[in-house]
């Protein structure tokens, strides 16, 4: 028997990971993804009543702030079963201010449902989350929702997928009826009609019952008036699949007698259903295309086929590549096998009144109650107190979790978002989720001096929960600055301080999180740190080059350090101290104290003393040398830029364009036809605008468009601030 083989818990099925799906639900705000999730939970028997966003009765949006605002703020995991599969859904926010919730959810998912508004099609935040999913190479199924609304058009929504996202859509359903008369779909794979009566026709039957046909779904023949167009749509689907799938192409050619123009099976023109399904599965899982379904979630139409598509087309943990990590410079892979050593990634930490919940995705192995695990980031040992299967704000304790599971752990004290938990005998370090950089800050201070310590503790807990938040002390004013991803993000955080932690705070005006970068660097800057005051002294000499790093990876911290010393002038143990000192200096740059990014520092020389050199001395020398170098560099101020999309009446276009220009906006384009997803009387304008110029923009837009204008935003990176604006920001006289 092999040593160190993890024990398989009693009752664990060997094929368990194959019947698991871990799926995210992504969309633009108000596209209906929370309603989709609620209907899934009801249909599968996970809940006994249909939750409604407008009533504040949803399972996933359980936080009081979410129910008050009617939008998703926090990513929430829920689990249900369907057709013998256990499916974990993560309902993610659609608002750009909470994109960190999307980022860390995507890191642990195997597939995605993208919900589109059947009227608007692809919207700005849809594009943003789609690109994020591209970064993680996640297979996708698209659900075109709200087809019962006035102006809904499946074909237009599919066209926007091709045009705006560059997607290859495989449309597997065709609507029966339009707008208010939308009653169901034609399933182009099974060539049958799926129809639903009104949602109120089905009574609640109690929790725990899988409601097959809970919306009254009926399966029947394709309506006579749609037969020909349905077969044409089936033919188009087959051709699209055959173009991209070799086996499907061969079967398509074999089933296509020369000279026949009839697309129906009687003429031998149709791919076998099993070949079509297998080809679609391969194309979706490889990322070469997306399956598109149709429905109206609020009226409970289209949910059963969506669940079937999740099981049929999206991958299980076994179908995705083994997770890759590192340990001591070596590449390490872990497959989705419950018998392999444990590898789990912490993607969320939530502090509650009853304790700390650590949410993990188990990539390999098995985690059991009471087991000891290692925090691979710190080397610290942790013990699992309890394992919870999560259902939003409700939890069910389970004895173990296996590869593919998403669970919450109790008892893990030191882990943060991005931490790897692994078997002590087989360590591995997994890549953490990407955390967007904070772009906006507010000063916070307790209204009562006695709450000063409580504020520090509360901010510490919030930073544990939300890694996109940051806190620092302004060197000039001594104020505590809380930084986040936008005004709404900070407003919600301040409300949590008061509601969850009982700390009343005074909040200053929002401040943009400027940065600075090196435009022209310097070379050979030497700093000598020598201190003798009796006893052991301090001695360190470092020589640095500081230069721009224009190719810094997007989303990274924007700092590269290289040790180029020769002959052991600076021992290896002191090189890390020099790097730490450089980071200290870059946190408070020479222009207004704003942090420095996009810079490369090279350690080229140094000197040590046999007795007086230490890590502390070299950290101080590294910091001082970097500060000295930055003061000699030519620096430029950077500001966050936002991609703005405004939809306005055509009559207001001139006024709106003038307002954007006055805000230093750069117009990227506009469209007003049906292909743009808006009516002919409305125009959609895209622009890039500095975040500092957007305060009050939404209010002005509503005023100038008589309340008809809407605006959406998403981060677009950083840009150099013009010299005159930089002088004003830094308070330098013109």
Foldseek 3Di string as FASTA:
>chain_A
DDPPFDDDDPPDDQCQLQQEAEEEEAEAWPLCSQLLVQLLCCQQQVDQDRADLQVLRGQQQVDPVCSVVSFDQAWFWAWGDDPSHIYIYTYAGNAQQRCLRLLLSLVQHQAYEYEAAQQQAHDDSSLVSLVSNVVVLHFYAYEHAQQQAPRGDPVLNVLCCCVVVVFAEQEQWAFDDGHNGTFWIQGLLVQWTWGFDFLVVAHGDHGPDNNPCSRVIDIGHDPPVCNQVSLVSSLVSLVSLLVPAPVSVVQQVVQDDPPDPDSDCVSSRHRHSVVSLVSQLVCRSSRRHYYYHYAYSVRPYPSVVVVVCSSRRGGGQQPDAFAWFDDPHHIDTAGQGQRDWWKKAFSFWAQDPVAIKTKIATAAHKDFAQDWWAFLVVRDIWGFHWKWDGHNPDTDTDGMDGHRDIIITGGGDPDAQLIMITHPVDDTHGGGGQAAEFWKKKFKDFPDPVCRVLLVVLVVNVCRGHVNWDWDAQPVPRTIIITGHDDVSVVVSQVCCCVVSVTHIDIGDMDTQKAKEFPAFDFFQKDWDWADDDDAIATKIWTKTKGFQVPPDPSDQQEAEEEAEPPCQDPPVQSVLLVLLLQVQQCQAPQSGRGYHRMYMYTYHMHDDPGRYDSVNNSPRSNVSNNVRRVVTDMFMKFWKKKKKKKAFPVLVVVLVVLCVVQVKAWDDKDQPVSSSHHNRIMITIIIGTPVSCVCVQVVRCVSRVNPMDMGIHTDGMDTDPPVVSCVVSVHDD
